[in-house]
Amino acid sequence: MKTISQLFLLIALGLSSLNGCSKSSDKEQTAETYAPLEDLIQAERQVEADLSLGFLLRSSTERVMSEFRSNLYDVRAATYLLRENPLDPFGLAQLHASYKSTEALNILQDDRTLLEDFLSKLRSAVEFVANMQGTSLDGFGDERLRTLFTQAFNLNDELGKFSSYLPAQNQAQSWKVATCGPRCGNLEYVIAQVERPGDETWLLAPRMSLPDRDQLQLTIDGSGRGPLVDVLEGKMNRRFRVLVSENFTEGQDPRSASWIDITDDLSNYPLGKIAGQFRSFKLETDLSRFRGKTLTIGMKLSAGPSEQQAERTDTQWQLTQFTIKGKGVLALAGASATP
């Protein structure tokens, strides 16, 4: 069936080229009228160039590479077909199927970042043609949430794409990767500890551009032990805090940047003082209010203000995974097509 589909599109592509010879004077008008299709053609050509130079899918399996190239072929042929006749239902169906197939491929985060422009142009083209045809595409406007970014901490990868910051004169234990060994199934995680009042340590996610879409779900998996919350003047002060900054840059002292504290938005935050074993948690919140923005998510562990406590009180936090799910494409700032 795939071969028949491609043969049909090849024939249509050939007919489109022949018709184009007699309509060369209409090229500028076509480009302006069908701008999303023209943008997709340029994006597809760039992806082809990146593939040929070895910039893309270097670590992917042969199956993923084969499926991606097949999808790219279908996109190219369907786009030319629709540029000739945007009301062609077969062309739209093929373009839509190629989009969904490409989105579903098991592509590494770095590759997906490099493909951001192509996937965005592909989606825009499908929406543009669907609107022209007055067609409602099943599942296209309501895709399931998928993983846009995830970081599982392990000994081999250390902090991965994350970084840590420990202010001078702090006696806190900065974030580092560790394991609890066979007694807990060789679980690997990143851990930090604060003791002295006023101390703090930061764990910083890579700077990222969120898709301009609703339903952006942040999940932080981990566990905590010790006093997790202080009560100050009748208000709770959570020792582990999650913050968002639009002006933090890598290598900067995070305390000099502007941060929006979203800790109170987190669900499942553990309360009280946990002695002995760690208590697991899954912190979750929606990041939709930051849609379309480029930002850094920071996590700060602090021991509470010095005026509130005179004794050292150990608090430990372990994080096993950091995940953002949603729709569209999330891009990591600074990603480049480097062979």
C-alpha atoms as a PDB file:
ATOM      1  CA  MET A   1       0.000   0.000   0.000  1.00  0.00           C
ATOM      2  CA  LYS A   2       2.883   2.331   0.817  1.00  0.00           C
ATOM      3  CA  THR A   3       4.437   1.708  -2.604  1.00  0.00           C
ATOM      4  CA  ILE A   4       1.142   2.402  -4.376  1.00  0.00           C
ATOM      5  CA  SER A   5       0.727   5.599  -2.391  1.00  0.00           C
ATOM      6  CA  GLN A   6       4.191   6.795  -3.310  1.00  0.00           C
ATOM      7  CA  LEU A   7       3.729   5.879  -6.962  1.00  0.00           C
ATOM      8  CA  PHE A   8       0.498   7.855  -7.077  1.00  0.00           C
ATOM      9  CA  LEU A   9       2.185  10.853  -5.539  1.00  0.00           C
ATOM     10  CA  LEU A  10       5.117  10.604  -7.930  1.00  0.00           C
ATOM     11  CA  ILE A  11       2.735  10.707 -10.867  1.00  0.00           C
ATOM     12  CA  ALA A  12       0.921  13.660  -9.330  1.00  0.00           C
ATOM     13  CA  LEU A  13       4.250  15.377  -8.717  1.00  0.00           C
ATOM     14  CA  GLY A  14       5.208  14.871 -12.354  1.00  0.00           C
ATOM     15  CA  LEU A  15       1.911  16.297 -13.545  1.00  0.00           C
ATOM     16  CA  SER A  16       2.387  19.240 -11.203  1.00  0.00           C
ATOM     17  CA  SER A  17       5.782  19.952 -12.748  1.00  0.00           C
ATOM     18  CA  LEU A  18       4.369  19.800 -16.272  1.00  0.00           C
ATOM     19  CA  ASN A  19       1.527  22.145 -15.388  1.00  0.00           C
ATOM     20  CA  GLY A  20       4.053  24.427 -13.710  1.00  0.00           C
ATOM     21  CA  CYS A  21       5.767  24.992 -17.063  1.00  0.00           C
ATOM     22  CA  SER A  22       2.647  26.667 -18.406  1.00  0.00           C
ATOM     23  CA  LYS A  23       2.042  28.683 -15.255  1.00  0.00           C
ATOM     24  CA  SER A  24       5.424  30.194 -14.497  1.00  0.00           C
ATOM     25  CA  SER A  25       3.919  33.676 -14.452  1.00  0.00           C
ATOM     26  CA  ASP A  26       1.770  32.683 -11.481  1.00  0.00           C
ATOM     27  CA  LYS A  27       4.672  31.575  -9.264  1.00  0.00           C
ATOM     28  CA  GLU A  28       4.828  34.724  -7.145  1.00  0.00           C
ATOM     29  CA  GLN A  29       1.059  34.711  -6.609  1.00  0.00           C
ATOM     30  CA  THR A  30       1.156  31.004  -5.671  1.00  0.00           C
ATOM     31  CA  ALA A  31       3.963  31.558  -3.179  1.00  0.00           C
ATOM     32  CA  GLU A  32       2.056  34.377  -1.504  1.00  0.00           C
ATOM     33  CA  THR A  33      -1.313  32.615  -1.510  1.00  0.00           C
ATOM     34  CA  TYR A  34      -0.007  29.282  -0.269  1.00  0.00           C
ATOM     35  CA  ALA A  35       2.733  30.586   2.025  1.00  0.00           C
ATOM     36  CA  PRO A  36       2.502  27.706   4.571  1.00  0.00           C
ATOM     37  CA  LEU A  37       3.159  25.195   1.777  1.00  0.00           C
ATOM     38  CA  GLU A  38       6.097  27.202   0.463  1.00  0.00           C
ATOM     39  CA  ASP A  39       7.504  27.463   3.991  1.00  0.00           C
ATOM     40  CA  LEU A  40       7.203  23.698   4.370  1.00  0.00           C
ATOM     41  CA  ILE A  41       9.050  23.089   1.106  1.00  0.00           C
ATOM     42  CA  GLN A  42      11.968  25.215   2.326  1.00  0.00           C
ATOM     43  CA  ALA A  43      11.981  23.484   5.727  1.00  0.00           C
ATOM     44  CA  GLU A  44      11.934  20.047   4.088  1.00  0.00           C
ATOM     45  CA  ARG A  45      14.893  20.982   1.884  1.00  0.00           C
ATOM     46  CA  GLN A  46      16.846  22.070   4.964  1.00  0.00           C
ATOM     47  CA  VAL A  47      16.126  18.769   6.703  1.00  0.00           C
ATOM     48  CA  GLU A  48      17.293  16.875   3.624  1.00  0.00           C
ATOM     49  CA  ALA A  49      20.527  18.890   3.667  1.00  0.00           C
ATOM     50  CA  ASP A  50      21.061  18.243   7.389  1.00  0.00           C
ATOM     51  CA  LEU A  51      20.512  14.521   6.858  1.00  0.00           C
ATOM     52  CA  SER A  52      23.015  14.351   4.010  1.00  0.00           C
ATOM     53  CA  LEU A  53      25.626  16.163   6.130  1.00  0.00           C
ATOM     54  CA  GLY A  54      25.099  13.849   9.096  1.00  0.00           C
ATOM     55  CA  PHE A  55      23.613  16.477  11.389  1.00  0.00           C
ATOM     56  CA  LEU A  56      20.425  14.504  12.104  1.00  0.00           C
ATOM     57  CA  LEU A  57      19.529  11.076  13.516  1.00  0.00           C
ATOM     58  CA  ARG A  58      23.163  10.016  13.957  1.00  0.00           C
ATOM     59  CA  SER A  59      22.272   7.806  16.936  1.00  0.00           C
ATOM     60  CA  SER A  60      18.929   6.540  15.635  1.00  0.00           C
ATOM     61  CA  THR A  61      18.251   2.956  14.624  1.00  0.00           C
ATOM     62  CA  GLU A  62      18.048   1.946  10.975  1.00  0.00           C
ATOM     63  CA  ARG A  63      14.289   1.459  11.367  1.00  0.00           C
ATOM     64  CA  VAL A  64      13.773   5.007  12.673  1.00  0.00           C
ATOM     65  CA  MET A  65      16.002   6.435   9.936  1.00  0.00           C
ATOM     66  CA  SER A  66      14.135   4.483   7.259  1.00  0.00           C
ATOM     67  CA  GLU A  67      10.710   5.552   8.532  1.00  0.00           C
ATOM     68  CA  PHE A  68      11.793   9.169   8.822  1.00  0.00           C
ATOM     69  CA  ARG A  69      13.117   9.250   5.255  1.00  0.00           C
ATOM     70  CA  SER A  70       9.901   7.636   4.023  1.00  0.00           C
ATOM     71  CA  ASN A  71       7.834  10.265   5.848  1.00  0.00           C
ATOM     72  CA  LEU A  72      10.026  13.015   4.410  1.00  0.00           C
ATOM     73  CA  TYR A  73       9.444  11.673   0.915  1.00  0.00           C
ATOM     74  CA  ASP A  74       5.666  11.646   1.446  1.00  0.00           C
ATOM     75  CA  VAL A  75       5.752  15.188   2.820  1.00  0.00           C
ATOM     76  CA  ARG A  76       7.646  16.457  -0.219  1.00  0.00           C
ATOM     77  CA  ALA A  77       5.377  14.778  -2.744  1.00  0.00           C
ATOM     78  CA  ALA A  78       2.132  15.689  -0.945  1.00  0.00           C
ATOM     79  CA  THR A  79       3.235  19.306  -0.538  1.00  0.00           C
ATOM     80  CA  TYR A  80       3.876  19.755  -4.251  1.00  0.00           C
ATOM     81  CA  LEU A  81       0.566  18.075  -5.000  1.00  0.00           C
ATOM     82  CA  LEU A  82      -1.292  20.437  -2.652  1.00  0.00           C
ATOM     83  CA  ARG A  83       0.518  23.484  -3.976  1.00  0.00           C
ATOM     84  CA  GLU A  84      -0.938  22.611  -7.372  1.00  0.00           C
ATOM     85  CA  ASN A  85      -4.376  21.851  -5.968  1.00  0.00           C
ATOM     86  CA  PRO A  86      -4.897  22.633  -2.252  1.00  0.00           C
ATOM     87  CA  LEU A  87      -8.381  21.122  -2.419  1.00  0.00           C
ATOM     88  CA  ASP A  88      -7.033  17.643  -3.185  1.00  0.00           C
ATOM     89  CA  PRO A  89      -8.264  15.416  -0.286  1.00  0.00           C
ATOM     90  CA  PHE A  90      -5.661  12.706  -0.939  1.00  0.00           C
ATOM     91  CA  GLY A  91      -2.811  15.182  -0.644  1.00  0.00           C
ATOM     92  CA  LEU A  92      -4.149  16.424   2.700  1.00  0.00           C
ATOM     93  CA  ALA A  93      -4.634  12.884   3.988  1.00  0.00           C
ATOM     94  CA  GLN A  94      -1.058  11.994   3.046  1.00  0.00           C
ATOM     95  CA  LEU A  95       0.382  15.143   4.598  1.00  0.00           C
ATOM     96  CA  HIS A  96      -1.624  14.583   7.783  1.00  0.00           C
ATOM     97  CA  ALA A  97      -0.529  10.946   8.015  1.00  0.00           C
ATOM     98  CA  SER A  98       3.107  11.936   7.512  1.00  0.00           C
ATOM     99  CA  TYR A  99       2.854  14.498  10.304  1.00  0.00           C
ATOM    100  CA  LYS A 100       1.396  12.012  12.781  1.00  0.00           C
ATOM    101  CA  SER A 101       3.885   9.314  11.804  1.00  0.00           C
ATOM    102  CA  THR A 102       6.856  11.663  12.217  1.00  0.00           C
ATOM    103  CA  GLU A 103       5.613  12.924  15.581  1.00  0.00           C
ATOM    104  CA  ALA A 104       5.289   9.334  16.814  1.00  0.00           C
ATOM    105  CA  LEU A 105       8.851   8.321  15.918  1.00  0.00           C
ATOM    106  CA  ASN A 106      11.212   7.566  18.799  1.00  0.00           C
ATOM    107  CA  ILE A 107      13.572  10.453  18.085  1.00  0.00           C
ATOM    108  CA  LEU A 108      16.164  11.698  20.579  1.00  0.00           C
ATOM    109  CA  GLN A 109      15.514  15.057  22.246  1.00  0.00           C
ATOM    110  CA  ASP A 110      18.466  16.739  20.498  1.00  0.00           C
ATOM    111  CA  ASP A 111      17.208  15.596  17.089  1.00  0.00           C
ATOM    112  CA  ARG A 112      13.654  16.680  17.908  1.00  0.00           C
ATOM    113  CA  THR A 113      14.999  20.110  18.827  1.00  0.00           C
ATOM    114  CA  LEU A 114      16.763  20.395  15.469  1.00  0.00           C
ATOM    115  CA  LEU A 115      13.542  19.353  13.742  1.00  0.00           C
ATOM    116  CA  GLU A 116      11.457  21.977  15.556  1.00  0.00           C
ATOM    117  CA  ASP A 117      11.133  24.305  12.564  1.00  0.00           C
ATOM    118  CA  PHE A 118      10.272  21.475  10.168  1.00  0.00           C
ATOM    119  CA  LEU A 119       7.602  19.982  12.462  1.00  0.00           C
ATOM    120  CA  SER A 120       6.131  23.422  13.105  1.00  0.00           C
ATOM    121  CA  LYS A 121       5.952  24.189   9.373  1.00  0.00           C
ATOM    122  CA  LEU A 122       4.473  20.743   8.699  1.00  0.00           C
ATOM    123  CA  ARG A 123       1.746  21.245  11.260  1.00  0.00           C
ATOM    124  CA  SER A 124       0.972  24.747   9.950  1.00  0.00           C
ATOM    125  CA  ALA A 125       0.672  23.394   6.406  1.00  0.00           C
ATOM    126  CA  VAL A 126      -1.746  20.655   7.494  1.00  0.00           C
ATOM    127  CA  GLU A 127      -3.879  23.181   9.406  1.00  0.00           C
ATOM    128  CA  PHE A 128      -3.803  25.606   6.461  1.00  0.00           C
ATOM    129  CA  VAL A 129      -4.974  23.026   3.914  1.00  0.00           C
ATOM    130  CA  ALA A 130      -7.542  21.532   6.289  1.00  0.00           C
ATOM    131  CA  ASN A 131      -9.066  24.986   6.777  1.00  0.00           C
ATOM    132  CA  MET A 132      -9.174  25.582   3.011  1.00  0.00           C
ATOM    133  CA  GLN A 133     -10.931  22.268   2.512  1.00  0.00           C
ATOM    134  CA  GLY A 134     -13.252  22.837   5.476  1.00  0.00           C
ATOM    135  CA  THR A 135     -12.113  19.498   6.891  1.00  0.00           C
ATOM    136  CA  SER A 136     -11.987  18.455  10.539  1.00  0.00           C
ATOM    137  CA  LEU A 137      -9.126  16.009  11.008  1.00  0.00           C
ATOM    138  CA  ASP A 138      -9.748  13.314  13.585  1.00  0.00           C
ATOM    139  CA  GLY A 139      -7.421  13.757  16.549  1.00  0.00           C
ATOM    140  CA  PHE A 140      -5.429  16.583  14.957  1.00  0.00           C
ATOM    141  CA  GLY A 141      -6.791  19.353  17.101  1.00  0.00           C
ATOM    142  CA  ASP A 142      -6.740  17.228  20.234  1.00  0.00           C
ATOM    143  CA  GLU A 143      -3.529  15.196  20.216  1.00  0.00           C
ATOM    144  CA  ARG A 144      -2.537  13.279  23.285  1.00  0.00           C
ATOM    145  CA  LEU A 145       0.127  14.799  25.472  1.00  0.00           C
ATOM    146  CA  ARG A 146       3.559  13.396  24.728  1.00  0.00           C
ATOM    147  CA  THR A 147       6.935  13.777  26.374  1.00  0.00           C
ATOM    148  CA  LEU A 148       8.592  16.975  25.150  1.00  0.00           C
ATOM    149  CA  PHE A 149      11.579  16.843  27.495  1.00  0.00           C
ATOM    150  CA  THR A 150      12.753  14.424  30.162  1.00  0.00           C
ATOM    151  CA  GLN A 151      15.855  13.970  32.298  1.00  0.00           C
ATOM    152  CA  ALA A 152      16.399  10.800  34.306  1.00  0.00           C
ATOM    153  CA  PHE A 153      19.409  11.160  36.577  1.00  0.00           C
ATOM    154  CA  ASN A 154      21.994   8.361  36.567  1.00  0.00           C
ATOM    155  CA  LEU A 155      25.650   7.817  37.403  1.00  0.00           C
ATOM    156  CA  ASN A 156      26.739   7.538  33.760  1.00  0.00           C
ATOM    157  CA  ASP A 157      25.209  10.846  32.672  1.00  0.00           C
ATOM    158  CA  GLU A 158      25.769  12.771  35.933  1.00  0.00           C
ATOM    159  CA  LEU A 159      23.512  15.874  35.852  1.00  0.00           C
ATOM    160  CA  GLY A 160      22.827  15.469  32.123  1.00  0.00           C
ATOM    161  CA  LYS A 161      21.672  18.783  30.662  1.00  0.00           C
ATOM    162  CA  PHE A 162      21.140  20.243  34.138  1.00  0.00           C
ATOM    163  CA  SER A 163      23.607  22.312  36.167  1.00  0.00           C
ATOM    164  CA  SER A 164      24.006  23.054  39.866  1.00  0.00           C
ATOM    165  CA  TYR A 165      24.927  26.163  41.818  1.00  0.00           C
ATOM    166  CA  LEU A 166      26.167  26.409  45.408  1.00  0.00           C
ATOM    167  CA  PRO A 167      26.638  29.961  46.731  1.00  0.00           C
ATOM    168  CA  ALA A 168      29.928  30.775  48.444  1.00  0.00           C
ATOM    169  CA  GLN A 169      30.124  30.315  52.213  1.00  0.00           C
ATOM    170  CA  ASN A 170      27.367  27.700  52.077  1.00  0.00           C
ATOM    171  CA  GLN A 171      27.784  24.455  53.970  1.00  0.00           C
ATOM    172  CA  ALA A 172      25.043  22.771  51.985  1.00  0.00           C
ATOM    173  CA  GLN A 173      25.718  19.629  49.963  1.00  0.00           C
ATOM    174  CA  SER A 174      25.313  20.602  46.339  1.00  0.00           C
ATOM    175  CA  TRP A 175      23.239  18.497  43.953  1.00  0.00           C
ATOM    176  CA  LYS A 176      25.086  15.367  42.856  1.00  0.00           C
ATOM    177  CA  VAL A 177      24.200  11.996  41.366  1.00  0.00           C
ATOM    178  CA  ALA A 178      24.158   9.007  43.718  1.00  0.00           C
ATOM    179  CA  THR A 179      22.642   5.563  44.187  1.00  0.00           C
ATOM    180  CA  CYS A 180      21.280   3.725  47.197  1.00  0.00           C
ATOM    181  CA  GLY A 181      22.626   0.388  45.952  1.00  0.00           C
ATOM    182  CA  PRO A 182      21.023  -3.062  46.031  1.00  0.00           C
ATOM    183  CA  ARG A 183      18.907  -2.313  49.119  1.00  0.00           C
ATOM    184  CA  CYS A 184      16.590  -0.147  46.999  1.00  0.00           C
ATOM    185  CA  GLY A 185      16.941  -1.809  43.608  1.00  0.00           C
ATOM    186  CA  ASN A 186      20.009   0.262  42.597  1.00  0.00           C
ATOM    187  CA  LEU A 187      17.865   3.381  42.247  1.00  0.00           C
ATOM    188  CA  GLU A 188      19.848   6.333  40.858  1.00  0.00           C
ATOM    189  CA  TYR A 189      18.983   9.946  41.603  1.00  0.00           C
ATOM    190  CA  VAL A 190      20.349  13.431  42.169  1.00  0.00           C
ATOM    191  CA  ILE A 191      20.512  14.445  45.833  1.00  0.00           C
ATOM    192  CA  ALA A 192      21.187  17.591  47.881  1.00  0.00           C
ATOM    193  CA  GLN A 193      21.273  18.338  51.585  1.00  0.00           C
ATOM    194  CA  VAL A 194      21.015  21.534  53.620  1.00  0.00           C
ATOM    195  CA  GLU A 195      21.790  21.860  57.321  1.00  0.00           C
ATOM    196  CA  ARG A 196      22.817  25.327  58.440  1.00  0.00           C
ATOM    197  CA  PRO A 197      20.053  27.961  58.633  1.00  0.00           C
ATOM    198  CA  GLY A 198      20.190  30.267  55.611  1.00  0.00           C
ATOM    199  CA  ASP A 199      22.063  27.817  53.338  1.00  0.00           C
ATOM    200  CA  GLU A 200      20.730  26.963  49.876  1.00  0.00           C
ATOM    201  CA  THR A 201      21.669  25.012  46.755  1.00  0.00           C
ATOM    202  CA  TRP A 202      20.225  25.218  43.212  1.00  0.00           C
ATOM    203  CA  LEU A 203      19.528  22.669  40.467  1.00  0.00           C
ATOM    204  CA  LEU A 204      18.904  24.317  37.099  1.00  0.00           C
ATOM    205  CA  ALA A 205      17.227  22.832  34.043  1.00  0.00           C
ATOM    206  CA  PRO A 206      18.558  23.819  30.588  1.00  0.00           C
ATOM    207  CA  ARG A 207      17.130  26.985  29.071  1.00  0.00           C
ATOM    208  CA  MET A 208      14.211  25.998  26.855  1.00  0.00           C
ATOM    209  CA  SER A 209      11.550  27.445  24.568  1.00  0.00           C
ATOM    210  CA  LEU A 210       8.104  26.085  25.383  1.00  0.00           C
ATOM    211  CA  PRO A 211       5.591  25.457  22.583  1.00  0.00           C
ATOM    212  CA  ASP A 212       2.843  28.041  22.235  1.00  0.00           C
ATOM    213  CA  ARG A 213       0.202  25.498  23.231  1.00  0.00           C
ATOM    214  CA  ASP A 214      -2.014  24.787  26.215  1.00  0.00           C
ATOM    215  CA  GLN A 215      -1.582  21.782  28.497  1.00  0.00           C
ATOM    216  CA  LEU A 216       2.098  21.843  29.425  1.00  0.00           C
ATOM    217  CA  GLN A 217       2.529  19.422  32.292  1.00  0.00           C
ATOM    218  CA  LEU A 218       5.614  19.509  34.535  1.00  0.00           C
ATOM    219  CA  THR A 219       6.302  16.435  36.686  1.00  0.00           C
ATOM    220  CA  ILE A 220       9.141  16.067  39.192  1.00  0.00           C
ATOM    221  CA  ASP A 221       9.634  12.620  40.720  1.00  0.00           C
ATOM    222  CA  GLY A 222      11.646  12.173  43.879  1.00  0.00           C
ATOM    223  CA  SER A 223      11.611  11.853  47.656  1.00  0.00           C
ATOM    224  CA  GLY A 224      12.417  13.876  50.758  1.00  0.00           C
ATOM    225  CA  ARG A 225      13.520  13.423  54.348  1.00  0.00           C
ATOM    226  CA  GLY A 226      13.836  15.752  57.333  1.00  0.00           C
ATOM    227  CA  PRO A 227      11.883  18.971  57.952  1.00  0.00           C
ATOM    228  CA  LEU A 228      10.328  19.812  54.571  1.00  0.00           C
ATOM    229  CA  VAL A 229       8.269  22.823  55.619  1.00  0.00           C
ATOM    230  CA  ASP A 230       8.888  25.667  58.099  1.00  0.00           C
ATOM    231  CA  VAL A 231       6.078  27.735  59.584  1.00  0.00           C
ATOM    232  CA  LEU A 232       6.922  31.435  59.557  1.00  0.00           C
ATOM    233  CA  GLU A 233       4.461  33.934  61.005  1.00  0.00           C
ATOM    234  CA  GLY A 234       1.639  31.496  60.450  1.00  0.00           C
ATOM    235  CA  LYS A 235       2.649  30.782  56.826  1.00  0.00           C
ATOM    236  CA  MET A 236       4.264  27.670  55.398  1.00  0.00           C
ATOM    237  CA  ASN A 237       7.739  27.992  53.906  1.00  0.00           C
ATOM    238  CA  ARG A 238       8.488  25.012  51.683  1.00  0.00           C
ATOM    239  CA  ARG A 239      12.180  24.176  51.740  1.00  0.00           C
ATOM    240  CA  PHE A 240      12.202  22.738  48.206  1.00  0.00           C
ATOM    241  CA  ARG A 241      11.006  25.361  45.753  1.00  0.00           C
ATOM    242  CA  VAL A 242      10.423  25.392  42.000  1.00  0.00           C
ATOM    243  CA  LEU A 243      10.908  28.683  40.144  1.00  0.00           C
ATOM    244  CA  VAL A 244      10.820  30.015  36.580  1.00  0.00           C
ATOM    245  CA  SER A 245      13.067  32.714  35.083  1.00  0.00           C
ATOM    246  CA  GLU A 246      13.074  34.339  31.660  1.00  0.00           C
ATOM    247  CA  ASN A 247      16.346  36.243  32.166  1.00  0.00           C
ATOM    248  CA  PHE A 248      18.619  33.654  33.789  1.00  0.00           C
ATOM    249  CA  THR A 249      21.618  32.681  31.664  1.00  0.00           C
ATOM    250  CA  GLU A 250      23.936  29.690  32.060  1.00  0.00           C
ATOM    251  CA  GLY A 251      26.813  30.314  34.461  1.00  0.00           C
ATOM    252  CA  GLN A 252      25.028  33.204  36.172  1.00  0.00           C
ATOM    253  CA  ASP A 253      24.434  33.379  39.922  1.00  0.00           C
ATOM    254  CA  PRO A 254      20.724  32.442  39.968  1.00  0.00           C
ATOM    255  CA  ARG A 255      20.130  34.818  42.875  1.00  0.00           C
ATOM    256  CA  SER A 256      20.820  37.759  40.536  1.00  0.00           C
ATOM    257  CA  ALA A 257      18.084  36.718  38.079  1.00  0.00           C
ATOM    258  CA  SER A 258      14.346  37.382  38.349  1.00  0.00           C
ATOM    259  CA  TRP A 259      12.277  34.341  39.312  1.00  0.00           C
ATOM    260  CA  ILE A 260       8.584  33.510  39.466  1.00  0.00           C
ATOM    261  CA  ASP A 261       7.913  31.079  42.308  1.00  0.00           C
ATOM    262  CA  ILE A 262       5.478  28.350  41.230  1.00  0.00           C
ATOM    263  CA  THR A 263       5.942  26.143  44.298  1.00  0.00           C
ATOM    264  CA  ASP A 264       2.431  26.834  45.582  1.00  0.00           C
ATOM    265  CA  ASP A 265       1.045  25.570  42.265  1.00  0.00           C
ATOM    266  CA  LEU A 266       2.573  22.111  42.785  1.00  0.00           C
ATOM    267  CA  SER A 267       0.281  19.244  43.687  1.00  0.00           C
ATOM    268  CA  ASN A 268       1.298  16.373  45.994  1.00  0.00           C
ATOM    269  CA  TYR A 269       3.850  18.437  47.945  1.00  0.00           C
ATOM    270  CA  PRO A 270       4.822  16.454  51.099  1.00  0.00           C
ATOM    271  CA  LEU A 271       4.351  18.290  54.396  1.00  0.00           C
ATOM    272  CA  GLY A 272       5.772  17.991  57.895  1.00  0.00           C
ATOM    273  CA  LYS A 273       8.977  16.450  59.177  1.00  0.00           C
ATOM    274  CA  ILE A 274       9.882  13.061  57.734  1.00  0.00           C
ATOM    275  CA  ALA A 275      12.238  11.002  59.879  1.00  0.00           C
ATOM    276  CA  GLY A 276      14.008   7.802  58.892  1.00  0.00           C
ATOM    277  CA  GLN A 277      13.125   6.596  55.390  1.00  0.00           C
ATOM    278  CA  PHE A 278      12.596   8.947  52.449  1.00  0.00           C
ATOM    279  CA  ARG A 279       9.011   9.669  51.451  1.00  0.00           C
ATOM    280  CA  SER A 280       8.342   9.516  47.711  1.00  0.00           C
ATOM    281  CA  PHE A 281       6.443  12.230  45.856  1.00  0.00           C
ATOM    282  CA  LYS A 282       5.358  13.190  42.348  1.00  0.00           C
ATOM    283  CA  LEU A 283       5.118  16.973  42.113  1.00  0.00           C
ATOM    284  CA  GLU A 284       2.960  18.208  39.222  1.00  0.00           C
ATOM    285  CA  THR A 285       1.812  21.530  37.824  1.00  0.00           C
ATOM    286  CA  ASP A 286       0.643  23.082  34.555  1.00  0.00           C
ATOM    287  CA  LEU A 287       3.018  25.480  32.773  1.00  0.00           C
ATOM    288  CA  SER A 288       0.471  26.819  30.270  1.00  0.00           C
ATOM    289  CA  ARG A 289       0.823  30.392  31.542  1.00  0.00           C
ATOM    290  CA  PHE A 290       4.408  30.274  30.211  1.00  0.00           C
ATOM    291  CA  ARG A 291       3.428  28.960  26.764  1.00  0.00           C
ATOM    292  CA  GLY A 292       5.579  30.251  23.920  1.00  0.00           C
ATOM    293  CA  LYS A 293       8.220  31.666  26.298  1.00  0.00           C
ATOM    294  CA  THR A 294      11.929  30.926  26.574  1.00  0.00           C
ATOM    295  CA  LEU A 295      12.840  30.238  30.183  1.00  0.00           C
ATOM    296  CA  THR A 296      14.788  28.294  32.788  1.00  0.00           C
ATOM    297  CA  ILE A 297      13.198  26.169  35.495  1.00  0.00           C
ATOM    298  CA  GLY A 298      15.165  26.233  38.725  1.00  0.00           C
ATOM    299  CA  MET A 299      14.835  24.092  41.853  1.00  0.00           C
ATOM    300  CA  LYS A 300      16.144  25.488  45.122  1.00  0.00           C
ATOM    301  CA  LEU A 301      16.631  23.622  48.388  1.00  0.00           C
ATOM    302  CA  SER A 302      17.117  25.839  51.448  1.00  0.00           C
ATOM    303  CA  ALA A 303      17.362  25.286  55.194  1.00  0.00           C
ATOM    304  CA  GLY A 304      15.105  28.155  56.211  1.00  0.00           C
ATOM    305  CA  PRO A 305      15.972  31.659  57.440  1.00  0.00           C
ATOM    306  CA  SER A 306      18.573  31.975  60.174  1.00  0.00           C
ATOM    307  CA  GLU A 307      16.353  34.099  62.412  1.00  0.00           C
ATOM    308  CA  GLN A 308      13.793  31.283  62.536  1.00  0.00           C
ATOM    309  CA  GLN A 309      16.023  28.521  63.835  1.00  0.00           C
ATOM    310  CA  ALA A 310      19.166  28.325  65.911  1.00  0.00           C
ATOM    311  CA  GLU A 311      19.860  24.620  65.434  1.00  0.00           C
ATOM    312  CA  ARG A 312      21.149  22.687  62.447  1.00  0.00           C
ATOM    313  CA  THR A 313      18.323  20.698  60.878  1.00  0.00           C
ATOM    314  CA  ASP A 314      19.183  18.341  58.021  1.00  0.00           C
ATOM    315  CA  THR A 315      16.874  18.242  55.021  1.00  0.00           C
ATOM    316  CA  GLN A 316      17.579  15.919  52.086  1.00  0.00           C
ATOM    317  CA  TRP A 317      15.856  15.812  48.712  1.00  0.00           C
ATOM    318  CA  GLN A 318      16.309  13.244  45.981  1.00  0.00           C
ATOM    319  CA  LEU A 319      15.076  13.718  42.414  1.00  0.00           C
ATOM    320  CA  THR A 320      14.876  10.786  40.009  1.00  0.00           C
ATOM    321  CA  GLN A 321      13.177  12.318  36.969  1.00  0.00           C
ATOM    322  CA  PHE A 322      12.141  15.701  35.546  1.00  0.00           C
ATOM    323  CA  THR A 323       9.569  15.608  32.718  1.00  0.00           C
ATOM    324  CA  ILE A 324       7.574  18.075  30.625  1.00  0.00           C
ATOM    325  CA  LYS A 325       4.661  16.743  28.569  1.00  0.00           C
ATOM    326  CA  GLY A 326       2.498  18.639  26.114  1.00  0.00           C
ATOM    327  CA  LYS A 327       1.774  19.278  22.462  1.00  0.00           C
ATOM    328  CA  GLY A 328       3.955  20.794  19.786  1.00  0.00           C
ATOM    329  CA  VAL A 329       7.746  20.995  20.020  1.00  0.00           C
ATOM    330  CA  LEU A 330       9.968  22.095  22.904  1.00  0.00           C
ATOM    331  CA  ALA A 331      13.363  23.505  21.880  1.00  0.00           C
ATOM    332  CA  LEU A 332      16.454  23.673  24.064  1.00  0.00           C
ATOM    333  CA  ALA A 333      18.214  27.006  23.761  1.00  0.00           C
ATOM    334  CA  GLY A 334      21.630  26.849  22.145  1.00  0.00           C
ATOM    335  CA  ALA A 335      20.977  23.566  20.297  1.00  0.00           C
ATOM    336  CA  SER A 336      22.756  23.559  16.951  1.00  0.00           C
ATOM    337  CA  ALA A 337      23.219  21.187  14.030  1.00  0.00           C
ATOM    338  CA  THR A 338      26.749  20.054  14.813  1.00  0.00           C
ATOM    339  CA  PRO A 339      28.046  16.823  13.294  1.00  0.00           C
END
